[in-house]
Amino acid sequence: AAAGVTVRDPIRGREPFLAKIDGMTYGESAAHGLIRGR
């Protein structure tokens, strides 16, 4: 589907994206509890 269209200077936005998600909780949240083995 993407092969059939053309975008001039298409946006990927990696650096802005990484800046925006910096500090976001990754994986389990302490607010919901954590699994550690058994």
PDB file of all heavy atoms in Angstrom:
ATOM      1  N   ALA A   1       0.835  -1.204   0.000  1.00  0.00           N
ATOM      2  CA  ALA A   1       0.000   0.000   0.000  1.00  0.00           C
ATOM      3  C   ALA A   1       0.870   1.255   0.000  1.00  0.00           C
ATOM      4  O   ALA A   1       0.571   2.237  -0.686  1.00  0.00           O
ATOM      5  CB  ALA A   1      -0.923  -0.005   1.209  1.00  0.00           C
ATOM      6  N   ALA A   2       1.983   1.229   0.776  1.00  0.00           N
ATOM      7  CA  ALA A   2       2.863   2.396   0.851  1.00  0.00           C
ATOM      8  C   ALA A   2       3.653   2.594  -0.437  1.00  0.00           C
ATOM      9  O   ALA A   2       4.027   3.727  -0.777  1.00  0.00           O
ATOM     10  CB  ALA A   2       3.821   2.238   2.034  1.00  0.00           C
ATOM     11  N   ALA A   3       3.894   1.499  -1.176  1.00  0.00           N
ATOM     12  CA  ALA A   3       4.672   1.596  -2.409  1.00  0.00           C
ATOM     13  C   ALA A   3       3.944   2.395  -3.489  1.00  0.00           C
ATOM     14  O   ALA A   3       4.561   2.900  -4.423  1.00  0.00           O
ATOM     15  CB  ALA A   3       5.012   0.199  -2.925  1.00  0.00           C
ATOM     16  N   GLY A   4       2.643   2.514  -3.343  1.00  0.00           N
ATOM     17  CA  GLY A   4       1.861   3.200  -4.369  1.00  0.00           C
ATOM     18  C   GLY A   4       1.710   4.691  -4.157  1.00  0.00           C
ATOM     19  O   GLY A   4       1.002   5.357  -4.917  1.00  0.00           O
ATOM     20  N   VAL A   5       2.349   5.256  -3.103  1.00  0.00           N
ATOM     21  CA  VAL A   5       2.205   6.688  -2.824  1.00  0.00           C
ATOM     22  C   VAL A   5       3.590   7.330  -2.670  1.00  0.00           C
ATOM     23  O   VAL A   5       4.579   6.659  -2.398  1.00  0.00           O
ATOM     24  CB  VAL A   5       1.379   6.928  -1.545  1.00  0.00           C
ATOM     25  CG1 VAL A   5      -0.033   6.427  -1.720  1.00  0.00           C
ATOM     26  CG2 VAL A   5       2.034   6.259  -0.340  1.00  0.00           C
ATOM     27  N   THR A   6       3.626   8.630  -2.854  1.00  0.00           N
ATOM     28  CA  THR A   6       4.878   9.378  -2.729  1.00  0.00           C
ATOM     29  C   THR A   6       4.677  10.552  -1.785  1.00  0.00           C
ATOM     30  O   THR A   6       3.701  11.299  -1.906  1.00  0.00           O
ATOM     31  CB  THR A   6       5.348   9.907  -4.094  1.00  0.00           C
ATOM     32  OG1 THR A   6       5.511   8.805  -4.995  1.00  0.00           O
ATOM     33  CG2 THR A   6       6.670  10.645  -3.953  1.00  0.00           C
ATOM     34  N   VAL A   7       5.583  10.706  -0.826  1.00  0.00           N
ATOM     35  CA  VAL A   7       5.551  11.830   0.107  1.00  0.00           C
ATOM     36  C   VAL A   7       6.898  12.551   0.023  1.00  0.00           C
ATOM     37  O   VAL A   7       7.952  11.927   0.180  1.00  0.00           O
ATOM     38  CB  VAL A   7       5.303  11.350   1.549  1.00  0.00           C
ATOM     39  CG1 VAL A   7       5.309  12.537   2.511  1.00  0.00           C
ATOM     40  CG2 VAL A   7       3.986  10.598   1.647  1.00  0.00           C
ATOM     41  N   ARG A   8       6.856  13.848  -0.225  1.00  0.00           N
ATOM     42  CA  ARG A   8       8.097  14.628  -0.293  1.00  0.00           C
ATOM     43  C   ARG A   8       8.603  14.877   1.121  1.00  0.00           C
ATOM     44  O   ARG A   8       7.861  15.331   1.993  1.00  0.00           O
ATOM     45  CB  ARG A   8       7.833  15.957  -0.997  1.00  0.00           C
ATOM     46  CG  ARG A   8       9.078  16.860  -1.086  1.00  0.00           C
ATOM     47  CD  ARG A   8       8.778  18.141  -1.829  1.00  0.00           C
ATOM     48  NE  ARG A   8       8.478  17.883  -3.224  1.00  0.00           N
ATOM     49  CZ  ARG A   8       8.217  18.845  -4.112  1.00  0.00           C
ATOM     50  NH1 ARG A   8       8.191  20.122  -3.711  1.00  0.00           N
ATOM     51  NH2 ARG A   8       7.939  18.534  -5.365  1.00  0.00           N
ATOM     52  N   ASP A   9       9.882  14.569   1.350  1.00  0.00           N
ATOM     53  CA  ASP A   9      10.508  14.722   2.674  1.00  0.00           C
ATOM     54  C   ASP A   9       9.647  14.093   3.772  1.00  0.00           C
ATOM     55  O   ASP A   9       9.206  14.777   4.720  1.00  0.00           O
ATOM     56  CB  ASP A   9      10.735  16.203   2.989  1.00  0.00           C
ATOM     57  CG  ASP A   9      11.667  16.878   1.997  1.00  0.00           C
ATOM     58  OD1 ASP A   9      12.595  16.212   1.521  1.00  0.00           O
ATOM     59  OD2 ASP A   9      11.441  18.066   1.695  1.00  0.00           O
ATOM     60  N   PRO A  10       9.398  12.793   3.695  1.00  0.00           N
ATOM     61  CA  PRO A  10       8.521  12.144   4.682  1.00  0.00           C
ATOM     62  C   PRO A  10       9.068  12.241   6.109  1.00  0.00           C
ATOM     63  O   PRO A  10      10.276  12.142   6.334  1.00  0.00           O
ATOM     64  CB  PRO A  10       8.476  10.692   4.200  1.00  0.00           C
ATOM     65  CG  PRO A  10       9.727  10.505   3.406  1.00  0.00           C
ATOM     66  CD  PRO A  10       9.984  11.825   2.743  1.00  0.00           C
ATOM     67  N   ILE A  11       8.171  12.442   7.047  1.00  0.00           N
ATOM     68  CA  ILE A  11       8.537  12.600   8.462  1.00  0.00           C
ATOM     69  C   ILE A  11       8.707  11.229   9.119  1.00  0.00           C
ATOM     70  O   ILE A  11       7.848  10.358   8.991  1.00  0.00           O
ATOM     71  CB  ILE A  11       7.446  13.380   9.214  1.00  0.00           C
ATOM     72  CG1 ILE A  11       7.260  14.769   8.596  1.00  0.00           C
ATOM     73  CG2 ILE A  11       7.778  13.488  10.701  1.00  0.00           C
ATOM     74  CD1 ILE A  11       6.014  15.474   9.099  1.00  0.00           C
ATOM     75  N   ARG A  12       9.822  11.046   9.827  1.00  0.00           N
ATOM     76  CA  ARG A  12       9.992   9.888  10.706  1.00  0.00           C
ATOM     77  C   ARG A  12       9.982  10.357  12.173  1.00  0.00           C
ATOM     78  O   ARG A  12       9.401   9.718  13.020  1.00  0.00           O
ATOM     79  CB  ARG A  12      11.306   9.155  10.414  1.00  0.00           C
ATOM     80  CG  ARG A  12      11.385   8.444   9.084  1.00  0.00           C
ATOM     81  CD  ARG A  12      10.397   7.317   8.874  1.00  0.00           C
ATOM     82  NE  ARG A  12      10.362   6.284   9.878  1.00  0.00           N
ATOM     83  CZ  ARG A  12       9.841   5.053   9.672  1.00  0.00           C
ATOM     84  NH1 ARG A  12       9.352   4.727   8.482  1.00  0.00           N
ATOM     85  NH2 ARG A  12       9.800   4.178  10.629  1.00  0.00           N
ATOM     86  N   GLY A  13      10.644  11.477  12.454  1.00  0.00           N
ATOM     87  CA  GLY A  13      10.554  12.100  13.786  1.00  0.00           C
ATOM     88  C   GLY A  13      11.121  11.276  14.917  1.00  0.00           C
ATOM     89  O   GLY A  13      10.516  11.210  15.991  1.00  0.00           O
ATOM     90  N   ARG A  14      12.286  10.677  14.724  1.00  0.00           N
ATOM     91  CA  ARG A  14      12.852   9.843  15.783  1.00  0.00           C
ATOM     92  C   ARG A  14      13.308  10.674  16.974  1.00  0.00           C
ATOM     93  O   ARG A  14      12.985  10.347  18.123  1.00  0.00           O
ATOM     94  CB  ARG A  14      14.017   9.021  15.242  1.00  0.00           C
ATOM     95  CG  ARG A  14      14.680   8.126  16.299  1.00  0.00           C
ATOM     96  CD  ARG A  14      15.632   7.124  15.699  1.00  0.00           C
ATOM     97  NE  ARG A  14      16.382   6.412  16.709  1.00  0.00           N
ATOM     98  CZ  ARG A  14      15.912   5.391  17.433  1.00  0.00           C
ATOM     99  NH1 ARG A  14      14.675   4.966  17.243  1.00  0.00           N
ATOM    100  NH2 ARG A  14      16.665   4.784  18.327  1.00  0.00           N
ATOM    101  N   GLU A  15      14.061  11.734  16.743  1.00  0.00           N
ATOM    102  CA  GLU A  15      14.597  12.522  17.860  1.00  0.00           C
ATOM    103  C   GLU A  15      13.491  13.188  18.690  1.00  0.00           C
ATOM    104  O   GLU A  15      13.503  13.103  19.920  1.00  0.00           O
ATOM    105  CB  GLU A  15      15.588  13.566  17.334  1.00  0.00           C
ATOM    106  CG  GLU A  15      16.850  12.970  16.715  1.00  0.00           C
ATOM    107  CD  GLU A  15      17.552  11.997  17.648  1.00  0.00           C
ATOM    108  OE1 GLU A  15      17.646  12.303  18.860  1.00  0.00           O
ATOM    109  OE2 GLU A  15      18.000  10.943  17.183  1.00  0.00           O
ATOM    110  N   PRO A  16      12.504  13.839  18.061  1.00  0.00           N
ATOM    111  CA  PRO A  16      11.401  14.409  18.862  1.00  0.00           C
ATOM    112  C   PRO A  16      10.645  13.345  19.646  1.00  0.00           C
ATOM    113  O   PRO A  16      10.248  13.565  20.795  1.00  0.00           O
ATOM    114  CB  PRO A  16      10.508  15.076  17.817  1.00  0.00           C
ATOM    115  CG  PRO A  16      11.385  15.303  16.639  1.00  0.00           C
ATOM    116  CD  PRO A  16      12.375  14.187  16.644  1.00  0.00           C
ATOM    117  N   PHE A  17      10.466  12.178  19.026  1.00  0.00           N
ATOM    118  CA  PHE A  17       9.738  11.083  19.676  1.00  0.00           C
ATOM    119  C   PHE A  17      10.476  10.611  20.921  1.00  0.00           C
ATOM    120  O   PHE A  17       9.885  10.459  21.996  1.00  0.00           O
ATOM    121  CB  PHE A  17       9.561   9.936  18.683  1.00  0.00           C
ATOM    122  CG  PHE A  17       8.949   8.698  19.270  1.00  0.00           C
ATOM    123  CD1 PHE A  17       7.590   8.643  19.566  1.00  0.00           C
ATOM    124  CD2 PHE A  17       9.712   7.572  19.524  1.00  0.00           C
ATOM    125  CE1 PHE A  17       7.016   7.504  20.100  1.00  0.00           C
ATOM    126  CE2 PHE A  17       9.158   6.424  20.053  1.00  0.00           C
ATOM    127  CZ  PHE A  17       7.803   6.388  20.337  1.00  0.00           C
ATOM    128  N   LEU A  18      11.793  10.389  20.797  1.00  0.00           N
ATOM    129  CA  LEU A  18      12.580   9.924  21.935  1.00  0.00           C
ATOM    130  C   LEU A  18      12.585  10.959  23.054  1.00  0.00           C
ATOM    131  O   LEU A  18      12.551  10.596  24.236  1.00  0.00           O
ATOM    132  CB  LEU A  18      14.013   9.610  21.487  1.00  0.00           C
ATOM    133  CG  LEU A  18      14.169   8.426  20.534  1.00  0.00           C
ATOM    134  CD1 LEU A  18      15.636   8.249  20.145  1.00  0.00           C
ATOM    135  CD2 LEU A  18      13.630   7.139  21.145  1.00  0.00           C
ATOM    136  N   ALA A  19      12.602  12.240  22.688  1.00  0.00           N
ATOM    137  CA  ALA A  19      12.569  13.292  23.712  1.00  0.00           C
ATOM    138  C   ALA A  19      11.240  13.293  24.454  1.00  0.00           C
ATOM    139  O   ALA A  19      11.192  13.492  25.672  1.00  0.00           O
ATOM    140  CB  ALA A  19      12.826  14.651  23.061  1.00  0.00           C
ATOM    141  N   LYS A  20      10.152  13.059  23.728  1.00  0.00           N
ATOM    142  CA  LYS A  20       8.818  13.090  24.337  1.00  0.00           C
ATOM    143  C   LYS A  20       8.577  11.899  25.270  1.00  0.00           C
ATOM    144  O   LYS A  20       7.871  12.033  26.278  1.00  0.00           O
ATOM    145  CB  LYS A  20       7.746  13.097  23.242  1.00  0.00           C
ATOM    146  CG  LYS A  20       7.708  14.379  22.415  1.00  0.00           C
ATOM    147  CD  LYS A  20       7.224  15.560  23.223  1.00  0.00           C
ATOM    148  CE  LYS A  20       7.035  16.793  22.345  1.00  0.00           C
ATOM    149  NZ  LYS A  20       6.576  17.968  23.125  1.00  0.00           N
ATOM    150  N   ILE A  21       9.141  10.728  24.945  1.00  0.00           N
ATOM    151  CA  ILE A  21       8.879   9.543  25.779  1.00  0.00           C
ATOM    152  C   ILE A  21       9.950   9.351  26.848  1.00  0.00           C
ATOM    153  O   ILE A  21       9.881   8.400  27.629  1.00  0.00           O
ATOM    154  CB  ILE A  21       8.768   8.255  24.929  1.00  0.00           C
ATOM    155  CG1 ILE A  21      10.114   7.887  24.291  1.00  0.00           C
ATOM    156  CG2 ILE A  21       7.696   8.403  23.862  1.00  0.00           C
ATOM    157  CD1 ILE A  21      10.116   6.516  23.636  1.00  0.00           C
ATOM    158  N   ASP A  22      10.934  10.250  26.902  1.00  0.00           N
ATOM    159  CA  ASP A  22      11.981  10.163  27.916  1.00  0.00           C
ATOM    160  C   ASP A  22      11.342  10.218  29.309  1.00  0.00           C
ATOM    161  O   ASP A  22      10.598  11.142  29.627  1.00  0.00           O
ATOM    162  CB  ASP A  22      12.972  11.316  27.749  1.00  0.00           C
ATOM    163  CG  ASP A  22      14.166  11.201  28.693  1.00  0.00           C
ATOM    164  OD1 ASP A  22      14.477  10.072  29.122  1.00  0.00           O
ATOM    165  OD2 ASP A  22      14.764  12.238  29.005  1.00  0.00           O
ATOM    166  N   GLY A  23      11.620   9.207  30.126  1.00  0.00           N
ATOM    167  CA  GLY A  23      11.050   9.150  31.473  1.00  0.00           C
ATOM    168  C   GLY A  23       9.764   8.357  31.573  1.00  0.00           C
ATOM    169  O   GLY A  23       9.254   8.139  32.680  1.00  0.00           O
ATOM    170  N   MET A  24       9.219   7.918  30.447  1.00  0.00           N
ATOM    171  CA  MET A  24       8.000   7.104  30.481  1.00  0.00           C
ATOM    172  C   MET A  24       8.281   5.758  31.147  1.00  0.00           C
ATOM    173  O   MET A  24       9.332   5.154  30.926  1.00  0.00           O
ATOM    174  CB  MET A  24       7.484   6.872  29.051  1.00  0.00           C
ATOM    175  CG  MET A  24       6.210   6.048  28.979  1.00  0.00           C
ATOM    176  SD  MET A  24       5.653   5.756  27.263  1.00  0.00           S
ATOM    177  CE  MET A  24       6.904   4.587  26.687  1.00  0.00           C
ATOM    178  N   THR A  25       7.362   5.289  31.968  1.00  0.00           N
ATOM    179  CA  THR A  25       7.513   3.987  32.611  1.00  0.00           C
ATOM    180  C   THR A  25       7.621   2.893  31.560  1.00  0.00           C
ATOM    181  O   THR A  25       6.834   2.833  30.621  1.00  0.00           O
ATOM    182  CB  THR A  25       6.317   3.689  33.523  1.00  0.00           C
ATOM    183  OG1 THR A  25       6.209   4.715  34.508  1.00  0.00           O
ATOM    184  CG2 THR A  25       6.469   2.334  34.205  1.00  0.00           C
ATOM    185  N   TYR A  26       8.623   2.041  31.716  1.00  0.00           N
ATOM    186  CA  TYR A  26       8.805   0.917  30.794  1.00  0.00           C
ATOM    187  C   TYR A  26       8.572  -0.383  31.550  1.00  0.00           C
ATOM    188  O   TYR A  26       9.078  -0.573  32.652  1.00  0.00           O
ATOM    189  CB  TYR A  26      10.211   0.916  30.195  1.00  0.00           C
ATOM    190  CG  TYR A  26      10.455  -0.224  29.238  1.00  0.00           C
ATOM    191  CD1 TYR A  26       9.991  -0.167  27.934  1.00  0.00           C
ATOM    192  CD2 TYR A  26      11.116  -1.372  29.656  1.00  0.00           C
ATOM    193  CE1 TYR A  26      10.197  -1.216  27.053  1.00  0.00           C
ATOM    194  CE2 TYR A  26      11.328  -2.434  28.793  1.00  0.00           C
ATOM    195  CZ  TYR A  26      10.865  -2.350  27.488  1.00  0.00           C
ATOM    196  OH  TYR A  26      11.059  -3.404  26.624  1.00  0.00           O
ATOM    197  N   GLY A  27       7.805  -1.277  30.964  1.00  0.00           N
ATOM    198  CA  GLY A  27       7.538  -2.552  31.617  1.00  0.00           C
ATOM    199  C   GLY A  27       6.491  -2.407  32.714  1.00  0.00           C
ATOM    200  O   GLY A  27       5.584  -1.576  32.624  1.00  0.00           O
ATOM    201  N   GLU A  28       6.640  -3.196  33.754  1.00  0.00           N
ATOM    202  CA  GLU A  28       5.645  -3.193  34.828  1.00  0.00           C
ATOM    203  C   GLU A  28       5.642  -1.869  35.592  1.00  0.00           C
ATOM    204  O   GLU A  28       6.650  -1.178  35.650  1.00  0.00           O
ATOM    205  CB  GLU A  28       5.931  -4.335  35.807  1.00  0.00           C
ATOM    206  CG  GLU A  28       5.836  -5.720  35.201  1.00  0.00           C
ATOM    207  CD  GLU A  28       6.359  -6.770  36.159  1.00  0.00           C
ATOM    208  OE1 GLU A  28       7.568  -6.749  36.448  1.00  0.00           O
ATOM    209  OE2 GLU A  28       5.554  -7.588  36.627  1.00  0.00           O
ATOM    210  N   SER A  29       4.486  -1.566  36.178  1.00  0.00           N
ATOM    211  CA  SER A  29       4.333  -0.339  36.957  1.00  0.00           C
ATOM    212  C   SER A  29       4.164  -0.682  38.431  1.00  0.00           C
ATOM    213  O   SER A  29       3.415  -1.598  38.783  1.00  0.00           O
ATOM    214  CB  SER A  29       3.114   0.446  36.459  1.00  0.00           C
ATOM    215  OG  SER A  29       2.762   1.460  37.365  1.00  0.00           O
ATOM    216  N   ALA A  30       4.862   0.067  39.286  1.00  0.00           N
ATOM    217  CA  ALA A  30       4.731  -0.156  40.728  1.00  0.00           C
ATOM    218  C   ALA A  30       3.298   0.070  41.195  1.00  0.00           C
ATOM    219  O   ALA A  30       2.842  -0.525  42.173  1.00  0.00           O
ATOM    220  CB  ALA A  30       5.682   0.757  41.485  1.00  0.00           C
ATOM    221  N   ALA A  31       2.569   0.928  40.475  1.00  0.00           N
ATOM    222  CA  ALA A  31       1.184   1.212  40.850  1.00  0.00           C
ATOM    223  C   ALA A  31       0.287   0.000  40.662  1.00  0.00           C
ATOM    224  O   ALA A  31      -0.765  -0.114  41.289  1.00  0.00           O
ATOM    225  CB  ALA A  31       0.655   2.384  40.032  1.00  0.00           C
ATOM    226  N   HIS A  32       0.688  -0.916  39.773  1.00  0.00           N
ATOM    227  CA  HIS A  32      -0.109  -2.112  39.503  1.00  0.00           C
ATOM    228  C   HIS A  32       0.512  -3.383  40.083  1.00  0.00           C
ATOM    229  O   HIS A  32      -0.065  -4.466  39.951  1.00  0.00           O
ATOM    230  CB  HIS A  32      -0.279  -2.306  37.984  1.00  0.00           C
ATOM    231  CG  HIS A  32      -1.025  -1.183  37.327  1.00  0.00           C
ATOM    232  ND1 HIS A  32      -0.902  -0.887  35.994  1.00  0.00           N
ATOM    233  CD2 HIS A  32      -1.898  -0.287  37.845  1.00  0.00           C
ATOM    234  CE1 HIS A  32      -1.673   0.152  35.698  1.00  0.00           C
ATOM    235  NE2 HIS A  32      -2.287   0.525  36.815  1.00  0.00           N
ATOM    236  N   GLY A  33       1.677  -3.255  40.714  1.00  0.00           N
ATOM    237  CA  GLY A  33       2.339  -4.420  41.275  1.00  0.00           C
ATOM    238  C   GLY A  33       3.358  -4.999  40.312  1.00  0.00           C
ATOM    239  O   GLY A  33       3.281  -4.796  39.093  1.00  0.00           O
ATOM    240  N   LEU A  34       4.322  -5.739  40.858  1.00  0.00           N
ATOM    241  CA  LEU A  34       5.443  -6.254  40.073  1.00  0.00           C
ATOM    242  C   LEU A  34       5.570  -7.764  40.240  1.00  0.00           C
ATOM    243  O   LEU A  34       5.391  -8.306  41.339  1.00  0.00           O
ATOM    244  CB  LEU A  34       6.753  -5.590  40.523  1.00  0.00           C
ATOM    245  CG  LEU A  34       6.746  -4.054  40.627  1.00  0.00           C
ATOM    246  CD1 LEU A  34       8.013  -3.574  41.319  1.00  0.00           C
ATOM    247  CD2 LEU A  34       6.615  -3.432  39.248  1.00  0.00           C
ATOM    248  N   ILE A  35       5.882  -8.448  39.163  1.00  0.00           N
ATOM    249  CA  ILE A  35       6.140  -9.879  39.209  1.00  0.00           C
ATOM    250  C   ILE A  35       7.648 -10.092  39.209  1.00  0.00           C
ATOM    251  O   ILE A  35       8.353  -9.590  38.324  1.00  0.00           O
ATOM    252  CB  ILE A  35       5.512 -10.601  38.000  1.00  0.00           C
ATOM    253  CG1 ILE A  35       3.982 -10.523  38.089  1.00  0.00           C
ATOM    254  CG2 ILE A  35       5.977 -12.052  37.931  1.00  0.00           C
ATOM    255  CD1 ILE A  35       3.269 -11.098  36.879  1.00  0.00           C
ATOM    256  N   ARG A  36       8.129 -10.818  40.195  1.00  0.00           N
ATOM    257  CA  ARG A  36       9.540 -11.141  40.295  1.00  0.00           C
ATOM    258  C   ARG A  36       9.678 -12.647  40.519  1.00  0.00           C
ATOM    259  O   ARG A  36       9.588 -13.133  41.649  1.00  0.00           O
ATOM    260  CB  ARG A  36      10.202 -10.363  41.449  1.00  0.00           C
ATOM    261  CG  ARG A  36      10.229  -8.855  41.250  1.00  0.00           C
ATOM    262  CD  ARG A  36      11.143  -8.478  40.080  1.00  0.00           C
ATOM    263  NE  ARG A  36      11.203  -7.042  39.850  1.00  0.00           N
ATOM    264  CZ  ARG A  36      10.443  -6.407  38.969  1.00  0.00           C
ATOM    265  NH1 ARG A  36       9.556  -7.091  38.255  1.00  0.00           N
ATOM    266  NH2 ARG A  36      10.564  -5.112  38.795  1.00  0.00           N
ATOM    267  N   GLY A  37       9.843 -13.377  39.416  1.00  0.00           N
ATOM    268  CA  GLY A  37       9.902 -14.828  39.514  1.00  0.00           C
ATOM    269  C   GLY A  37       8.558 -15.380  39.951  1.00  0.00           C
ATOM    270  O   GLY A  37       7.533 -15.149  39.313  1.00  0.00           O
ATOM    271  N   ARG A  38       8.547 -16.071  41.099  1.00  0.00           N
ATOM    272  CA  ARG A  38       7.296 -16.623  41.631  1.00  0.00           C
ATOM    273  C   ARG A  38       6.663 -15.688  42.655  1.00  0.00           C
ATOM    274  O   ARG A  38       5.670 -16.045  43.284  1.00  0.00           O
ATOM    275  CB  ARG A  38       7.557 -17.989  42.259  1.00  0.00           C
ATOM    276  CG  ARG A  38       7.908 -19.065  41.238  1.00  0.00           C
ATOM    277  CD  ARG A  38       7.970 -20.460  41.855  1.00  0.00           C
ATOM    278  NE  ARG A  38       9.100 -20.631  42.760  1.00  0.00           N
ATOM    279  CZ  ARG A  38       9.010 -20.806  44.074  1.00  0.00           C
ATOM    280  NH1 ARG A  38       7.822 -20.824  44.650  1.00  0.00           N
ATOM    281  NH2 ARG A  38      10.088 -20.963  44.813  1.00  0.00           N
TER     282      ARG A  38
END
